[in-house]
Every structure is written in structure tokens, then in C-alpha cells.
Protein backbone atom coordinates (compact mmCIF):
# COMPACT_ATOMS: atom_id res chain seq x y z
CA UNK A 1 -40.88 87.34 157.41
CA UNK A 2 -39.75 90.03 154.97
CA UNK A 3 -36.94 87.74 153.69
CA UNK A 4 -39.21 84.84 153.30
CA UNK A 5 -41.71 87.04 151.43
CA UNK A 6 -39.03 88.26 149.02
CA UNK A 7 -37.77 84.64 148.35
CA UNK A 8 -41.35 83.51 147.59
CA UNK A 9 -41.88 86.45 145.28
CA UNK A 10 -38.66 85.65 143.37
CA UNK A 11 -39.63 82.04 143.01
CA UNK A 12 -43.07 83.01 141.72
CA UNK A 13 -41.47 85.37 139.13
CA UNK A 14 -39.17 82.59 137.95
CA UNK A 15 -42.21 80.28 137.55
CA UNK A 16 -44.14 82.87 135.54
CA UNK A 17 -41.06 83.42 133.31
CA UNK A 18 -40.81 79.71 132.64
CA UNK A 19 -44.45 79.51 131.70
CA UNK A 20 -44.03 82.50 129.37
CA UNK A 21 -41.05 80.89 127.77
CA UNK A 22 -42.94 77.62 127.29
CA UNK A 23 -45.77 79.51 125.40
CA UNK A 24 -44.80 80.57 121.76
CA UNK A 25 -45.75 84.02 120.84
CA UNK A 26 -46.89 85.22 117.36
CA UNK A 27 -43.57 86.96 116.70
CA UNK A 28 -41.61 83.87 117.75
CA UNK A 29 -43.62 81.72 115.30
CA UNK A 30 -43.14 84.27 112.56
CA UNK A 31 -39.42 84.38 113.09
CA UNK A 32 -39.31 80.54 112.97
CA UNK A 33 -41.27 80.42 109.76
CA UNK A 34 -39.11 83.05 108.17
CA UNK A 35 -36.07 81.14 109.22
CA UNK A 36 -37.45 77.88 107.69
CA UNK A 37 -38.37 79.76 104.55
CA UNK A 38 -34.71 81.16 104.25
CA UNK A 39 -33.33 77.62 104.87
CA UNK A 40 -35.52 76.23 102.11
CA UNK A 41 -34.62 78.98 99.66
CA UNK A 42 -30.92 78.56 100.43
CA UNK A 43 -31.05 74.81 99.88
CA UNK A 44 -32.81 75.09 96.51
CA UNK A 45 -31.52 76.42 93.11
CA UNK A 46 -33.38 79.56 92.11
CA UNK A 47 -34.82 79.97 88.68
CA UNK A 48 -35.97 83.42 87.49
CA UNK A 49 -39.26 83.49 85.62
CA UNK A 50 -40.38 86.34 83.59
CA UNK A 51 -44.22 86.63 83.28
CA UNK A 52 -45.70 87.65 79.86
CA UNK A 53 -49.04 89.33 79.61
CA UNK A 54 -51.11 87.53 76.90
CA UNK A 55 -53.63 90.37 76.29
CA UNK A 56 -54.63 93.82 77.51
CA UNK A 57 -58.20 92.97 78.38
CA UNK A 58 -57.43 90.23 80.90
CA UNK A 59 -59.58 87.77 78.89
CA UNK A 60 -59.15 84.08 79.34
CA UNK A 61 -57.88 81.91 76.34
CA UNK A 62 -56.95 85.10 74.40
CA UNK A 63 -53.55 85.51 72.98
CA UNK A 64 -52.15 88.61 71.36
CA UNK A 65 -49.07 87.75 69.23
CA UNK A 66 -47.81 91.29 68.68
CA UNK A 67 -48.15 92.19 72.41
CA UNK A 68 -46.34 89.04 73.41
CA UNK A 69 -43.59 89.58 70.83
CA UNK A 70 -43.09 93.32 71.98
CA UNK A 71 -42.76 92.10 75.61
CA UNK A 72 -40.29 89.39 74.68
CA UNK A 73 -38.25 91.92 72.63
CA UNK A 74 -38.24 94.64 75.26
CA UNK A 75 -37.50 92.25 78.08
CA UNK A 76 -34.43 91.05 76.23
CA UNK A 77 -35.61 87.42 76.08
CA UNK A 78 -35.06 87.17 72.31
CA UNK A 79 -31.62 88.69 72.58
CA UNK A 80 -30.69 86.26 75.27
CA UNK A 81 -31.89 83.39 73.11
CA UNK A 82 -29.84 84.66 70.19
CA UNK A 83 -26.74 85.03 72.27
CA UNK A 84 -27.24 81.63 73.83
CA UNK A 85 -27.59 80.08 70.34
CA UNK A 86 -24.41 81.81 69.04
CA UNK A 87 -22.49 80.43 71.99
CA UNK A 88 -22.39 76.99 73.63
CA UNK A 89 -25.53 76.79 75.79
CA UNK A 90 -25.40 73.09 76.38
CA UNK A 91 -22.77 71.67 78.64
CA UNK A 92 -22.19 68.21 80.06
CA UNK A 93 -19.70 66.54 82.31
CA UNK A 94 -17.28 64.25 80.49
CA UNK A 95 -18.32 61.18 82.46
CA UNK A 96 -22.03 61.89 81.90
CA UNK A 97 -21.42 62.50 78.17
CA UNK A 98 -19.38 59.35 77.77
CA UNK A 99 -22.03 57.34 79.63
CA UNK A 100 -24.84 58.75 77.62
CA UNK A 101 -23.28 58.40 74.08
CA UNK A 102 -20.93 55.45 74.65
CA UNK A 103 -22.75 53.29 72.20
CA UNK A 104 -21.89 55.61 69.28
CA UNK A 105 -18.20 54.39 69.42
CA UNK A 106 -17.66 51.40 67.13
CA UNK A 107 -17.62 48.07 69.02
CA UNK A 108 -13.97 47.07 68.31
CA UNK A 109 -12.70 50.52 69.37
CA UNK A 110 -14.94 50.47 72.43
CA UNK A 111 -13.41 47.13 73.54
CA UNK A 112 -9.94 48.72 73.42
CA UNK A 113 -11.06 51.75 75.52
CA UNK A 114 -11.83 52.10 79.19
CA UNK A 115 -15.50 51.70 80.14
CA UNK A 116 -17.51 54.38 81.81
CA UNK A 117 -17.54 52.38 85.03
CA UNK A 118 -13.79 52.06 85.09
CA UNK A 119 -13.33 55.76 84.42
CA UNK A 120 -15.71 56.63 87.27
CA UNK A 121 -14.19 54.12 89.66
CA UNK A 122 -10.59 55.22 88.89
CA UNK A 123 -11.45 58.92 88.44
CA UNK A 124 -9.75 58.90 85.09
CA UNK A 125 -11.07 62.24 83.63
CA UNK A 126 -8.46 62.16 80.86
CA UNK A 127 -9.81 58.84 79.45
CA UNK A 128 -13.38 60.11 79.80
CA UNK A 129 -12.42 63.40 78.02
CA UNK A 130 -10.60 61.50 75.17
CA UNK A 131 -13.64 59.18 74.75
CA UNK A 132 -16.08 62.17 74.78
CA UNK A 133 -13.90 63.97 72.21
CA UNK A 134 -13.92 60.88 70.00
CA UNK A 135 -17.76 60.62 70.27
CA UNK A 136 -18.12 64.34 69.39
CA UNK A 137 -15.87 64.03 66.36
CA UNK A 138 -17.88 61.07 65.16
CA UNK A 139 -21.17 62.97 65.17
CA UNK A 140 -20.55 66.73 65.27
CA UNK A 141 -18.81 69.10 62.92
CA UNK A 142 -15.21 69.80 64.16
CA UNK A 143 -14.16 72.44 61.57
CA UNK A 144 -12.57 75.61 63.00
CA UNK A 145 -15.14 77.93 61.35
CA UNK A 146 -18.24 76.31 62.61
CA UNK A 147 -17.09 74.04 65.39
CA UNK A 148 -20.15 72.64 67.21
CA UNK A 149 -18.38 71.66 70.38
CA UNK A 150 -15.57 72.87 72.60
CA UNK A 151 -13.60 70.96 75.28
CA UNK A 152 -13.36 72.55 78.71
CA UNK A 153 -11.48 71.52 81.85
CA UNK A 154 -14.31 69.31 83.21
CA UNK A 155 -17.17 70.00 80.81
CA UNK A 156 -17.91 69.56 77.09
CA UNK A 157 -19.69 72.54 75.59
CA UNK A 158 -22.18 72.10 72.77
CA UNK A 159 -23.94 74.52 70.43
CA UNK A 160 -27.74 74.89 70.43
CA UNK A 161 -28.38 72.01 68.04
CA UNK A 162 -25.47 69.82 69.36
CA UNK A 163 -27.65 67.81 71.77
CA UNK A 164 -30.31 67.38 69.01
CA UNK A 165 -27.66 65.89 66.73
CA UNK A 166 -26.34 63.65 69.45
CA UNK A 167 -29.79 62.40 70.35
CA UNK A 168 -30.52 61.95 66.64
CA UNK A 169 -27.40 59.81 66.28
CA UNK A 170 -28.47 57.79 69.30
CA UNK A 171 -31.91 57.29 67.81
CA UNK A 172 -30.38 56.31 64.49
CA UNK A 173 -28.06 53.88 66.32
CA UNK A 174 -30.94 52.20 68.13
CA UNK A 175 -33.07 52.26 64.94
CA UNK A 176 -30.20 50.48 63.00
CA UNK A 177 -29.82 47.87 65.73
CA UNK A 178 -33.69 47.53 65.95
CA UNK A 179 -33.78 46.99 62.16
CA UNK A 180 -30.97 44.42 62.40
CA UNK A 181 -32.88 42.63 65.23
CA UNK A 182 -36.14 42.82 63.29
CA UNK A 183 -34.23 41.43 60.18
CA UNK A 184 -32.78 38.53 62.28
CA UNK A 185 -36.21 37.90 63.85
CA UNK A 186 -37.87 38.01 60.47
CA UNK A 187 -35.20 35.85 58.98
CA UNK A 188 -35.56 33.30 61.80
CA UNK A 189 -39.38 33.31 61.30
CA UNK A 190 -38.98 32.96 57.59
CA UNK A 191 -36.43 30.14 58.01
CA UNK A 192 -38.76 28.32 60.43
CA UNK A 193 -41.72 28.85 58.04
CA UNK A 194 -39.54 27.62 55.06
CA UNK A 195 -38.48 24.56 57.13
CA UNK A 196 -42.02 23.85 58.06
CA UNK A 197 -43.23 24.31 54.46
CA UNK A 198 -40.24 22.22 53.31
CA UNK A 199 -41.18 19.43 55.73
CA UNK A 200 -44.77 19.52 54.54
CA UNK A 201 -43.75 19.50 50.86
CA UNK A 202 -41.31 16.62 51.55
CA UNK A 203 -44.09 14.72 53.37
CA UNK A 204 -46.49 15.38 50.47
CA UNK A 205 -43.85 14.37 47.95
CA UNK A 206 -43.27 11.18 50.00
CA UNK A 207 -46.94 10.36 50.00
CA UNK A 208 -47.24 11.17 46.23
CA UNK A 209 -44.21 9.02 45.46
CA UNK A 210 -45.47 6.28 47.69
CA UNK A 211 -48.82 6.36 45.77
CA UNK A 212 -47.05 6.36 42.38
CA UNK A 213 -44.73 3.54 43.50
CA UNK A 214 -47.75 1.63 44.90
CA UNK A 215 -49.57 1.88 41.58
CA UNK A 216 -46.44 1.00 39.71
CA UNK A 217 -45.85 -1.95 42.04
CA UNK A 218 -49.45 -3.12 41.58
CA UNK A 219 -49.04 -2.88 37.83
CA UNK A 220 -45.79 -4.75 37.93
CA UNK A 221 -47.37 -7.36 40.11
CA UNK A 222 -50.21 -7.81 37.68
CA UNK A 223 -47.75 -7.94 34.83
CA UNK A 224 -45.69 -10.43 36.78
CA UNK A 225 -48.75 -12.57 37.45
CA UNK A 226 -49.56 -12.51 33.79
CA UNK A 227 -45.99 -13.40 32.77
CA UNK A 228 -45.96 -16.17 35.45
CA UNK A 229 -49.26 -17.45 34.18
CA UNK A 230 -48.09 -17.47 30.57
CA UNK A 231 -44.77 -19.12 31.62
CA UNK A 232 -46.54 -21.73 33.79
CA UNK A 233 -49.08 -22.35 31.00
CA UNK A 234 -46.27 -22.87 28.45
CA UNK A 235 -44.34 -25.01 30.92
CA UNK A 236 -47.50 -27.01 31.62
CA UNK A 237 -48.28 -27.34 27.96
CA UNK A 238 -44.80 -28.49 27.14
CA UNK A 239 -44.84 -30.87 30.13
CA UNK A 240 -48.16 -32.20 29.03
CA UNK A 241 -46.96 -32.67 25.51
CA UNK A 242 -43.84 -34.43 26.78
CA UNK A 243 -45.86 -36.68 29.02
CA UNK A 244 -48.32 -37.34 26.21
CA UNK A 245 -45.48 -38.14 23.85
CA UNK A 246 -44.05 -40.60 26.41
CA UNK A 247 -47.50 -42.06 27.27
CA UNK A 248 -48.62 -42.78 23.72
CA UNK A 249 -45.94 -45.50 23.11
CA UNK A 250 -46.56 -47.01 26.43
CA UNK A 251 -50.32 -46.98 25.79
CA UNK A 252 -49.64 -48.59 22.37
CA UNK A 253 -47.53 -51.33 23.89
CA UNK A 254 -50.11 -51.95 26.55
CA UNK A 255 -52.98 -52.00 24.12
CA UNK A 256 -51.06 -54.34 21.83
CA UNK A 257 -50.37 -56.60 24.68
CA UNK A 258 -54.08 -56.61 25.62
CA UNK A 259 -55.01 -57.16 22.01
CA UNK A 260 -52.54 -59.99 21.72
CA UNK A 261 -53.88 -61.46 24.91
CA UNK A 262 -57.44 -61.07 23.74
CA UNK A 263 -56.56 -62.48 20.34
CA UNK A 264 -54.73 -65.48 21.85
CA UNK A 265 -57.63 -66.18 24.10
CA UNK A 266 -60.09 -65.84 21.18
CA UNK A 267 -57.84 -68.11 19.16
CA UNK A 268 -57.74 -70.69 21.79
CA UNK A 269 -61.54 -70.47 22.32
CA UNK A 270 -62.01 -70.71 18.54
CA UNK A 271 -59.72 -73.65 18.35
CA UNK A 272 -61.63 -75.45 21.24
CA UNK A 273 -64.92 -74.53 19.54
CA UNK A 274 -63.72 -75.90 16.25
CA UNK A 275 -62.46 -79.08 17.97
CA UNK A 276 -65.73 -79.43 19.76
CA UNK A 277 -67.72 -78.80 16.58
CA UNK A 278 -65.51 -81.38 14.78
CA UNK A 279 -66.19 -83.92 17.48
CA UNK A 280 -69.90 -83.17 17.51
CA UNK A 281 -70.13 -83.36 13.71
CA UNK A 282 -68.11 -86.60 13.71
CA UNK A 283 -70.33 -88.12 16.24
CA UNK A 284 -73.41 -87.01 14.38
CA UNK A 285 -72.04 -88.21 11.09
CA UNK A 286 -71.07 -91.57 12.54
CA UNK A 287 -74.47 -91.91 14.15
CA UNK A 288 -76.21 -91.01 10.90
CA UNK A 289 -74.10 -93.48 9.08
CA UNK A 290 -75.06 -96.31 11.53
């Protein structure tokens, strides 16, 4: 019985320990949260921020220039900015620099060089470095006294205004191409408008010429009719005269024949009348004499 009691007590203790282990305590939760916070801080890149007091009265929207300048000077911010400007604060990987400013290389030279994709795929850092150096020489000052860039092992270092100049060159490049595109577009629009206007002018000229030629044709037709009428009149008059000249002798002969026929008939009738009269007169004379 004592052994059984001890075994039961041990089993009860183990069950209580499991229950305690299953329940999270406040300290355990705190340790887990601290661990999660440390993991987050380790995975991130820390940036140190210096706070500047805008005024001494803790008033909202109040800014004291002298107080802020003193804080910046005493905190060493202005000195850090000066040092950064005197050095090469901007730095870029050769591949990134080449990819960002590739368009600044002239087109024919760019065709003879390796592209960014080929350099990345082949891991050719030397070609990317040569291309980046060429781009930097095209835009930035490369004199020994005031050299605006330096070449490192894997990075290209730029002075404070180096990136501004590079971005300005890119903007100028795109502005030039945009102007060229605008010029081409405007030229295309102007050509289309000119062609449309030319078609309208040609159509108007065609209508005007058609109207002029129509009026000229009508005048020519009227003149041709007048000429034809005059010619036909002249021809008809000449033909009439010729017919008249030919008809007059024929009419004269016909009339002479009719006249001769009438004369011969009248002559015969006269001769018969004379004979009849002579017979009647002879009869009457003989009767009177008897």
C-alpha cells in the first residue's frame, strides 16, 4: 500500500508539471517577445536619427532658426555634411549604374558593347565597369584636380552633385528624344494636314477648271453654231443661186414651148375662124347677089 501510494503521488506530480508547462507564464511571454524583438532588429538595417528641438517653449508650429542651427552645429551634423560633400557620398554598383544610365551611351557604340542583361548573366564585372567608366566620362568631369567620380573594386563613387548631374543628363536625354518624337508627330500631323488641304485645293481647282472649261465649251459651241449657221446659210444661198441659175433657162425653154404651143393653137384657131368667116361671107355675098 505504501508503494502504491508513492507511485500515485509521483504520477500526480508529473501531471501537475505537464499542466504547468502547458500554461505560459508572464516571464516566459516576456522572454519570447524580447527574443522576437531582437530577431527583428537583427534582420533590419538600423538608421540613427538625431532629434532636433524646434523651440524652448514646447509650442506647436513654432520654429527657432538660431536654436536649430546651434543644435545642428554642436551635434556635428553640419560637419558630417561638409565632410560627406568633400568626399564621395554616393556610391553605386557597376551593374546598377550601367543599367540606370545605359541610354547615355551613343547608339552605335552601345551596339558594339555588351548589354546589361548579358553582363549580369555572364557575371562580367569588367565589361560593366568599362561601360560605367565610359558613361561617367561622358557626363562628369574627369580632371585630376576636381574629379567627380572614382572607380572602386565593385562600386563607382560619386561626389555630392554627381547623381544630380547624371539624372539631369538622363532628363536631357529623354527631353531630347521627346522633342524628336514631338517633332516627328507634329511633322506627321502637318504632312497629313498639308495633304488634306492639298487634296481640297486640287478638288477646288478641278471644280473651278471644270466650270471655266464648261463656260468655254458653251461659248465655243455657241460660236460653232453661229459659224455652222453662217456656213450653212452661205452654202444654201449658193446652192439656191446655182439651182435658180439652172432653173431659169429650163423655165424659159418650157415657157417658150408653152407659148409656141399656145401661139400655134391660136394660129390654127384664127386660120379656121378666117376660113369660116370667108365661107360665111362668100355665102352671104352670093345670096345677096342672087
